Amino acid sequence: MAMVVLAANFALAQDVTIKLGTLAPQGSTWHALLKELGEKWSEASGGKVKLKIYAGGTQGSEGDMVRKMGVGQLQAASITNVGLHDVVPEPMIFSAPGLFDERDYRDVFPKLEAQLNASLDAKGYVVLSWAQVGTVSIFCTKPYATPEAAADAKFFAWDGDPASVEVFKLIGFRPVVLSSTDIVPSLQTGMISCISQVPAYVLTARLFDKANYMVDYPWAYLVGATVVKKDAWEKIPADLRPKLLAITKEINARIDAEVKRLNEDAVVAMKKQGLNVVKVEPGPWEKAAQRSWPAVRGKVVSEAFFDQAVKLRDEARKARK
């Protein structure tokens, strides 16, 4: 019996290294906070838990990261709801064009969080935290004032997200499926002419050097999560996990508090470096966005979940009035 106890204690004393992948560019705010997370995890665990971060898409696209978590090459990832789609599709509801804005997300997400966490848990993932990435805008190499004018544009569509192709087609856009790591060269060669992304990412990745026209319409909302494989998480001593979880939530709460300002500041910075903001009438863009919803309802997420989310959104809007 003594030998068993000693063996158990020895196992608990072993160092645990969590390899985490992310598309967050090197030097970005998101990358800096992940580095801080690793430092605080190490401090809280007395150096027993190490977080090794692979930023800037060095582990491939978000789909690649999910596949690597599946085979143990990575244990964790800080990715958007687009990447999470390969595990559970429900978080994609927030990025359906024109369906949710920032206020909608803040009001609705807390009512769906437990449901989303349970879906990921059933797939063998622990959600360390959710975080807002921000309002998505459309950036193009030409000044498109209406969706009809953009019908000749070639829109980046996420590899591994076939629904995005259908979304763009229903709107009347031309999707080009690529890995997220191929955006920069594809803009340079003209393979794509438009991307939909949050301004802070567009600034840090210098995508506006080519896509230097921003449509002034809140196209969608992007959220993210830091997730870890359950088997890797459970290698960490049970008494440490709540501490590490609390640290992660605290750091991501800072992003949530700052995300709007970060994206607004990014637009200001890009305008100083040549970005042109295309003022548009919202009506045509709203109608175009709504044409995409049948590609989401009953296809990406269940009809029941789509309707539940929309009902919560409408209740939140009514309460705000």
Protein backbone atom coordinates (compact mmCIF):
# COMPACT_ATOMS: atom_id res chain seq x y z
CA MET A 1 0.00 0.00 0.00
CA ALA A 2 2.83 2.43 0.87
CA MET A 3 4.36 1.87 -2.56
CA VAL A 4 1.04 2.67 -4.23
CA VAL A 5 0.71 5.92 -2.30
CA LEU A 6 4.29 6.90 -3.12
CA ALA A 7 3.73 6.13 -6.79
CA ALA A 8 0.57 8.25 -6.83
CA ASN A 9 2.31 11.16 -5.15
CA PHE A 10 5.20 10.90 -7.58
CA ALA A 11 2.81 11.00 -10.52
CA LEU A 12 1.11 14.11 -9.15
CA ALA A 13 4.46 15.77 -8.72
CA GLN A 14 5.40 15.40 -12.38
CA ASP A 15 5.54 18.50 -14.58
CA VAL A 16 2.67 18.98 -17.00
CA THR A 17 3.25 20.82 -20.27
CA ILE A 18 0.23 22.08 -22.17
CA LYS A 19 0.99 22.96 -25.80
CA LEU A 20 -1.43 25.62 -27.02
CA GLY A 21 -1.92 26.80 -30.59
CA THR A 22 -3.48 30.07 -31.77
CA LEU A 23 -3.76 32.25 -34.84
CA ALA A 24 -3.16 35.34 -32.67
CA PRO A 25 -0.26 37.12 -34.37
CA GLN A 26 3.08 37.35 -32.64
CA GLY A 27 3.17 40.58 -30.65
CA SER A 28 -0.60 41.09 -30.67
CA THR A 29 -2.58 41.88 -27.53
CA TRP A 30 -4.02 38.36 -27.57
CA HIS A 31 -0.54 36.82 -27.81
CA ALA A 32 0.75 39.02 -24.99
CA LEU A 33 -2.09 37.93 -22.72
CA LEU A 34 -1.52 34.26 -23.52
CA LYS A 35 2.12 34.71 -22.56
CA GLU A 36 1.00 36.32 -19.31
CA LEU A 37 -1.35 33.39 -18.78
CA GLY A 38 1.56 30.97 -19.08
CA GLU A 39 3.61 32.95 -16.59
CA LYS A 40 0.79 33.03 -14.05
CA TRP A 41 0.06 29.34 -14.48
CA SER A 42 3.71 28.55 -13.81
CA GLU A 43 3.75 30.80 -10.76
CA ALA A 44 0.51 29.38 -9.32
CA SER A 45 1.71 25.79 -9.81
CA GLY A 46 5.22 26.31 -8.50
CA GLY A 47 6.55 25.64 -12.00
CA LYS A 48 4.78 22.29 -12.29
CA VAL A 49 2.37 23.39 -15.06
CA LYS A 50 3.88 24.93 -18.16
CA LEU A 51 1.96 26.53 -21.00
CA LYS A 52 3.85 26.47 -24.29
CA ILE A 53 2.31 28.84 -26.82
CA TYR A 54 2.50 28.45 -30.60
CA ALA A 55 1.21 31.76 -31.98
CA GLY A 56 0.76 33.27 -35.41
CA GLY A 57 -0.64 30.15 -37.06
CA THR A 58 2.61 28.21 -36.72
CA GLN A 59 0.48 25.12 -36.05
CA GLY A 60 -1.60 25.72 -39.16
CA SER A 61 -5.20 26.82 -39.44
CA GLU A 62 -7.67 26.52 -36.59
CA GLY A 63 -8.95 23.32 -38.18
CA ASP A 64 -5.39 22.00 -38.15
CA MET A 65 -5.10 22.83 -34.45
CA VAL A 66 -8.30 20.95 -33.65
CA ARG A 67 -6.99 17.93 -35.56
CA LYS A 68 -3.67 18.15 -33.69
CA MET A 69 -5.50 18.22 -30.37
CA GLY A 70 -7.30 15.10 -31.50
CA VAL A 71 -4.04 13.20 -31.94
CA GLY A 72 -2.19 14.72 -28.98
CA GLN A 73 0.23 16.98 -30.85
CA LEU A 74 -1.44 19.92 -29.13
CA GLN A 75 -3.32 19.81 -25.86
CA ALA A 76 -5.04 23.19 -26.08
CA ALA A 77 -5.98 26.01 -28.43
CA SER A 78 -7.17 29.57 -28.19
CA ILE A 79 -9.38 29.77 -31.27
CA THR A 80 -12.48 31.41 -32.66
CA ASN A 81 -15.91 29.89 -32.95
CA VAL A 82 -15.03 29.13 -36.58
CA GLY A 83 -12.33 26.69 -35.44
CA LEU A 84 -14.60 25.31 -32.72
CA HIS A 85 -17.07 24.44 -35.45
CA ASP A 86 -14.99 21.31 -36.05
CA VAL A 87 -15.83 20.19 -32.50
CA VAL A 88 -19.29 21.65 -31.85
CA PRO A 89 -21.16 23.95 -34.25
CA GLU A 90 -23.40 25.89 -31.86
CA PRO A 91 -21.02 28.84 -31.16
CA MET A 92 -21.20 29.70 -34.89
CA ILE A 93 -24.64 31.19 -34.26
CA PHE A 94 -22.95 34.42 -33.11
CA SER A 95 -21.11 34.85 -36.41
CA ALA A 96 -24.10 34.47 -38.72
CA PRO A 97 -24.06 37.71 -40.77
CA GLY A 98 -26.30 40.39 -39.34
CA LEU A 99 -27.75 38.20 -36.59
CA PHE A 100 -25.93 39.42 -33.46
CA ASP A 101 -24.15 42.62 -32.56
CA GLU A 102 -21.93 43.29 -29.55
CA ARG A 103 -24.79 44.19 -27.22
CA ASP A 104 -26.78 41.14 -28.32
CA TYR A 105 -23.81 38.90 -27.59
CA ARG A 106 -23.23 40.35 -24.12
CA ASP A 107 -26.90 39.83 -23.22
CA VAL A 108 -27.45 36.42 -24.79
CA PHE A 109 -24.20 34.52 -24.32
CA PRO A 110 -24.46 34.11 -20.50
CA LYS A 111 -27.81 32.36 -21.04
CA LEU A 112 -26.26 29.88 -23.48
CA GLU A 113 -22.83 29.41 -21.90
CA ALA A 114 -23.65 26.35 -19.79
CA GLN A 115 -25.23 24.65 -22.79
CA LEU A 116 -22.18 25.34 -24.97
CA ASN A 117 -19.77 24.16 -22.26
CA ALA A 118 -21.73 20.94 -21.88
CA SER A 119 -21.55 20.29 -25.63
CA LEU A 120 -17.77 20.68 -25.59
CA ASP A 121 -17.42 18.58 -22.45
CA ALA A 122 -19.29 15.76 -24.20
CA LYS A 123 -16.64 15.90 -26.94
CA GLY A 124 -13.77 15.64 -24.47
CA TYR A 125 -12.88 19.33 -24.11
CA VAL A 126 -12.73 21.61 -21.09
CA VAL A 127 -13.56 25.26 -21.69
CA LEU A 128 -11.07 27.37 -19.77
CA SER A 129 -12.74 30.59 -20.84
CA TRP A 130 -14.75 32.31 -23.52
CA ALA A 131 -13.69 35.67 -24.92
CA GLN A 132 -15.02 38.25 -27.30
CA VAL A 133 -12.96 38.86 -30.43
CA GLY A 134 -15.17 41.66 -31.67
CA THR A 135 -17.31 43.03 -34.44
CA VAL A 136 -16.39 41.73 -37.88
CA SER A 137 -16.11 44.14 -40.81
CA ILE A 138 -15.54 43.49 -44.49
CA PHE A 139 -12.17 44.63 -45.89
CA CYS A 140 -11.66 44.71 -49.66
CA THR A 141 -9.17 45.78 -52.29
CA LYS A 142 -11.87 48.00 -53.88
CA PRO A 143 -14.48 50.37 -52.40
CA TYR A 144 -17.71 48.37 -52.48
CA ALA A 145 -20.64 50.49 -51.31
CA THR A 146 -23.34 47.86 -51.85
CA PRO A 147 -23.50 44.05 -51.80
CA GLU A 148 -24.48 44.12 -55.47
CA ALA A 149 -21.31 46.04 -56.33
CA ALA A 150 -19.30 43.36 -54.50
CA ALA A 151 -20.76 40.56 -56.59
CA ASP A 152 -17.54 40.39 -58.63
CA ALA A 153 -15.34 40.27 -55.50
CA LYS A 154 -13.66 37.07 -54.35
CA PHE A 155 -14.34 36.52 -50.65
CA PHE A 156 -12.08 34.51 -48.38
CA ALA A 157 -13.98 31.50 -46.99
CA TRP A 158 -12.54 29.50 -44.10
CA ASP A 159 -11.15 26.11 -45.03
CA GLY A 160 -12.99 23.50 -42.99
CA ASP A 161 -16.16 25.58 -42.76
CA PRO A 162 -18.30 24.55 -45.75
CA ALA A 163 -21.23 26.55 -44.38
CA SER A 164 -19.35 29.78 -45.07
CA VAL A 165 -19.32 28.90 -48.75
CA GLU A 166 -23.10 28.48 -48.76
CA VAL A 167 -23.50 31.70 -46.76
CA PHE A 168 -21.58 33.73 -49.33
CA LYS A 169 -23.39 32.11 -52.25
CA LEU A 170 -26.82 32.90 -50.80
CA ILE A 171 -25.76 36.51 -50.36
CA GLY A 172 -24.50 36.68 -53.94
CA PHE A 173 -20.76 36.75 -53.23
CA ARG A 174 -18.03 34.55 -54.73
CA PRO A 175 -16.31 32.47 -52.03
CA VAL A 176 -12.75 31.21 -52.34
CA VAL A 177 -11.89 28.47 -49.84
CA LEU A 178 -8.43 28.87 -48.31
CA SER A 179 -6.55 28.15 -45.13
CA SER A 180 -6.39 31.18 -42.85
CA THR A 181 -2.61 31.00 -43.13
CA ASP A 182 -2.90 31.74 -46.88
CA ILE A 183 -4.76 35.04 -46.59
CA VAL A 184 -1.77 37.35 -47.02
CA PRO A 185 -0.29 35.76 -50.17
CA SER A 186 -3.78 35.34 -51.64
CA LEU A 187 -4.50 39.05 -51.22
CA GLN A 188 -1.15 39.85 -52.83
CA THR A 189 -1.80 37.65 -55.86
CA GLY A 190 -5.44 38.64 -56.27
CA MET A 191 -6.75 35.17 -55.51
CA ILE A 192 -9.05 36.87 -53.01
CA SER A 193 -10.16 40.50 -52.86
CA CYS A 194 -12.25 40.64 -49.67
CA ILE A 195 -11.99 39.28 -46.13
CA SER A 196 -14.32 39.53 -43.15
CA GLN A 197 -12.41 39.93 -39.92
CA VAL A 198 -12.10 42.09 -36.79
CA PRO A 199 -10.06 45.30 -37.24
CA ALA A 200 -7.51 44.48 -34.51
CA TYR A 201 -6.51 41.29 -36.34
CA VAL A 202 -6.44 43.05 -39.72
CA LEU A 203 -4.08 45.67 -38.26
CA THR A 204 -1.72 43.25 -36.53
CA ALA A 205 -1.54 40.89 -39.52
CA ARG A 206 -1.16 43.88 -41.90
CA LEU A 207 -3.99 42.62 -44.09
CA PHE A 208 -5.06 46.21 -44.77
CA ASP A 209 -1.89 46.77 -46.79
CA LYS A 210 -3.84 45.19 -49.67
CA ALA A 211 -7.45 45.11 -48.43
CA ASN A 212 -7.45 48.84 -47.70
CA TYR A 213 -11.19 49.57 -48.01
CA MET A 214 -13.40 48.81 -45.00
CA VAL A 215 -17.16 48.58 -45.43
CA ASP A 216 -18.66 50.63 -42.59
CA TYR A 217 -21.22 48.02 -41.56
CA PRO A 218 -21.08 45.59 -38.58
CA TRP A 219 -21.14 42.39 -40.63
CA ALA A 220 -20.95 39.74 -37.89
CA TYR A 221 -19.62 39.05 -34.40
CA LEU A 222 -16.64 36.86 -33.65
CA VAL A 223 -16.09 35.04 -30.38
CA GLY A 224 -13.38 32.70 -29.20
CA ALA A 225 -12.56 30.20 -26.51
CA THR A 226 -9.51 28.72 -24.87
CA VAL A 227 -10.10 24.99 -24.69
CA VAL A 228 -7.99 22.08 -23.48
CA LYS A 229 -8.38 18.37 -24.01
CA LYS A 230 -9.98 16.82 -20.94
CA ASP A 231 -7.37 14.03 -20.64
CA ALA A 232 -4.55 16.60 -20.60
CA TRP A 233 -6.40 18.83 -18.10
CA GLU A 234 -6.92 15.93 -15.73
CA LYS A 235 -3.16 15.29 -15.58
CA ILE A 236 -2.95 18.53 -13.59
CA PRO A 237 -3.47 17.94 -9.84
CA ALA A 238 -7.12 18.43 -8.95
CA ASP A 239 -6.38 21.10 -6.34
CA LEU A 240 -4.56 23.23 -8.93
CA ARG A 241 -7.22 23.20 -11.65
CA PRO A 242 -9.60 25.74 -10.03
CA LYS A 243 -6.70 28.17 -9.56
CA LEU A 244 -5.59 27.88 -13.19
CA LEU A 245 -9.18 28.17 -14.37
CA ALA A 246 -9.70 31.35 -12.34
CA ILE A 247 -6.49 32.87 -13.76
CA THR A 248 -7.61 32.13 -17.33
CA LYS A 249 -11.04 33.65 -16.79
CA GLU A 250 -9.54 36.76 -15.21
CA ILE A 251 -7.21 37.36 -18.14
CA ASN A 252 -9.90 36.81 -20.76
CA ALA A 253 -12.24 39.14 -18.84
CA ARG A 254 -9.68 41.86 -19.50
CA ILE A 255 -9.95 41.19 -23.22
CA ASP A 256 -13.74 41.38 -23.01
CA ALA A 257 -13.48 44.74 -21.26
CA GLU A 258 -11.05 46.10 -23.86
CA VAL A 259 -12.12 44.45 -27.11
CA LYS A 260 -14.30 47.28 -28.41
CA ARG A 261 -11.60 49.86 -27.74
CA LEU A 262 -8.92 47.65 -29.29
CA ASN A 263 -10.88 47.36 -32.52
CA GLU A 264 -11.79 51.04 -32.61
CA ASP A 265 -8.15 52.00 -32.02
CA ALA A 266 -7.12 49.61 -34.78
CA VAL A 267 -9.37 51.41 -37.28
CA VAL A 268 -7.88 54.76 -36.26
CA ALA A 269 -4.34 53.39 -36.66
CA MET A 270 -5.09 51.86 -40.06
CA LYS A 271 -6.71 55.06 -41.34
CA LYS A 272 -3.47 56.87 -40.57
CA GLN A 273 -1.69 54.27 -42.72
CA GLY A 274 -3.97 54.37 -45.74
CA LEU A 275 -7.18 52.54 -44.83
CA ASN A 276 -10.30 54.02 -46.42
CA VAL A 277 -13.64 53.63 -44.65
CA VAL A 278 -16.48 53.21 -47.15
CA LYS A 279 -19.66 54.80 -45.79
CA VAL A 280 -22.71 52.76 -46.78
CA GLU A 281 -26.48 52.65 -46.40
CA PRO A 282 -27.13 49.83 -43.91
CA GLY A 283 -30.39 48.63 -45.48
CA PRO A 284 -28.94 46.71 -48.47
CA TRP A 285 -26.28 45.10 -46.28
CA GLU A 286 -28.89 44.04 -43.70
CA LYS A 287 -30.99 42.40 -46.42
CA ALA A 288 -27.91 40.67 -47.86
CA ALA A 289 -26.94 39.34 -44.44
CA GLN A 290 -30.43 37.98 -43.81
CA ARG A 291 -30.35 36.04 -47.07
CA SER A 292 -27.60 33.89 -45.53
CA TRP A 293 -29.55 32.68 -42.50
CA PRO A 294 -31.05 29.57 -44.19
CA ALA A 295 -27.47 28.30 -44.59
CA VAL A 296 -27.12 28.39 -40.79
CA ARG A 297 -30.54 27.39 -39.44
CA GLY A 298 -30.92 23.62 -39.60
CA LYS A 299 -27.58 23.18 -41.37
CA VAL A 300 -24.83 24.60 -39.16
CA VAL A 301 -26.90 24.55 -35.98
CA SER A 302 -30.20 22.85 -35.28
CA GLU A 303 -33.39 24.75 -36.01
CA ALA A 304 -34.25 24.54 -32.31
CA PHE A 305 -30.95 26.10 -31.20
CA PHE A 306 -31.14 28.82 -33.88
CA ASP A 307 -34.66 29.73 -32.81
CA GLN A 308 -33.69 29.66 -29.13
CA ALA A 309 -30.80 32.07 -29.74
CA VAL A 310 -32.93 34.43 -31.84
CA LYS A 311 -35.68 34.41 -29.20
CA LEU A 312 -33.14 35.35 -26.51
CA ARG A 313 -31.74 38.07 -28.79
CA ASP A 314 -35.18 39.55 -29.42
CA GLU A 315 -36.00 39.49 -25.70
CA ALA A 316 -32.71 41.26 -24.94
CA ARG A 317 -33.39 43.96 -27.54
CA LYS A 318 -36.88 44.52 -26.16
CA ALA A 319 -35.50 44.79 -22.62
CA ARG A 320 -32.88 47.33 -23.74
CA LYS A 321 -35.57 49.54 -25.23
